[in-house]
Amino acid sequence: MSELQWKRPPSRGVYDWDDIAEQLKANPGKWALVAPSYSSNKVTGATSRGLVVRTQRLGTSPARYDVYARYEAA
């Protein structure tokens, strides 16, 4: 029989993209690090709110990214 380790998983990083978009729109043209050390490219939440997004691959792990975003006023 396998011995189990009983413990809770780490909390998942949940991003409130509406709140992030609101903050960026209050500071048009300024870049912000919105998701440090992200493990997947889930930026549709940001782009669907009209934000410009850039990712930077981390040198420590090719599968992890920092996600930056900004709002460009029209």
Protein backbone atom coordinates (compact mmCIF):
# COMPACT_ATOMS: atom_id res chain seq x y z
CA MET A 1 0.00 0.00 0.00
CA SER A 2 1.25 3.51 -0.90
CA GLU A 3 1.82 5.93 1.92
CA LEU A 4 0.01 9.22 1.36
CA GLN A 5 1.08 12.70 2.42
CA TRP A 6 -1.93 14.65 3.63
CA LYS A 7 -1.55 18.35 2.89
CA ARG A 8 -3.28 21.12 1.02
CA PRO A 9 -1.94 22.22 -2.36
CA PRO A 10 -0.39 25.68 -2.64
CA SER A 11 -2.84 28.43 -3.47
CA ARG A 12 -3.16 29.26 -7.14
CA GLY A 13 -2.33 32.75 -8.24
CA VAL A 14 -5.63 34.26 -9.32
CA TYR A 15 -5.47 37.56 -11.13
CA ASP A 16 -8.32 40.06 -10.99
CA TRP A 17 -7.86 41.40 -14.52
CA ASP A 18 -10.67 43.94 -14.12
CA ASP A 19 -8.89 45.48 -11.12
CA ILE A 20 -5.51 45.36 -12.90
CA ALA A 21 -7.00 47.00 -16.01
CA GLU A 22 -8.59 49.74 -13.87
CA GLN A 23 -5.25 50.54 -12.23
CA LEU A 24 -3.40 50.60 -15.55
CA LYS A 25 -6.05 52.83 -17.16
CA ALA A 26 -5.53 55.28 -14.30
CA ASN A 27 -1.85 55.44 -15.37
CA PRO A 28 -1.89 55.35 -19.19
CA GLY A 29 1.42 54.59 -20.89
CA LYS A 30 3.10 53.20 -17.76
CA TRP A 31 4.28 49.59 -17.69
CA ALA A 32 3.58 47.37 -14.68
CA LEU A 33 4.68 43.87 -13.77
CA VAL A 34 1.30 42.18 -13.43
CA ALA A 35 2.25 38.49 -13.17
CA PRO A 36 5.78 37.67 -11.95
CA SER A 37 7.22 34.26 -12.71
CA TYR A 38 4.16 33.02 -14.56
CA SER A 39 4.25 29.44 -15.79
CA SER A 40 1.91 29.77 -18.73
CA ASN A 41 0.95 32.38 -21.25
CA LYS A 42 -2.52 33.25 -20.00
CA VAL A 43 -2.60 36.86 -21.10
CA THR A 44 -5.99 36.83 -22.83
CA GLY A 45 -7.52 38.22 -19.64
CA ALA A 46 -5.36 41.30 -20.08
CA THR A 47 -5.61 41.71 -23.85
CA SER A 48 -9.39 41.30 -23.80
CA ARG A 49 -9.52 44.41 -21.58
CA GLY A 50 -7.56 46.50 -24.09
CA LEU A 51 -4.16 46.21 -22.40
CA VAL A 52 -0.84 45.89 -24.22
CA VAL A 53 1.09 42.87 -22.92
CA ARG A 54 4.72 41.81 -23.12
CA THR A 55 6.32 38.73 -21.65
CA GLN A 56 9.92 38.17 -20.64
CA ARG A 57 11.27 34.65 -20.34
CA LEU A 58 13.13 34.15 -17.08
CA GLY A 59 16.72 32.98 -17.41
CA THR A 60 16.34 30.65 -14.45
CA SER A 61 13.64 28.59 -16.15
CA PRO A 62 12.71 28.67 -19.83
CA ALA A 63 9.12 27.71 -18.98
CA ARG A 64 8.49 30.74 -16.71
CA TYR A 65 7.73 34.31 -17.72
CA ASP A 66 7.23 37.72 -16.19
CA VAL A 67 4.13 39.36 -17.68
CA TYR A 68 4.07 43.14 -18.11
CA ALA A 69 1.10 45.22 -19.20
CA ARG A 70 0.12 48.80 -19.89
CA TYR A 71 -2.86 50.76 -21.14
CA GLU A 72 -2.44 53.08 -24.10
CA ALA A 73 -4.95 55.89 -24.15
CA ALA A 74 -6.53 56.35 -27.58
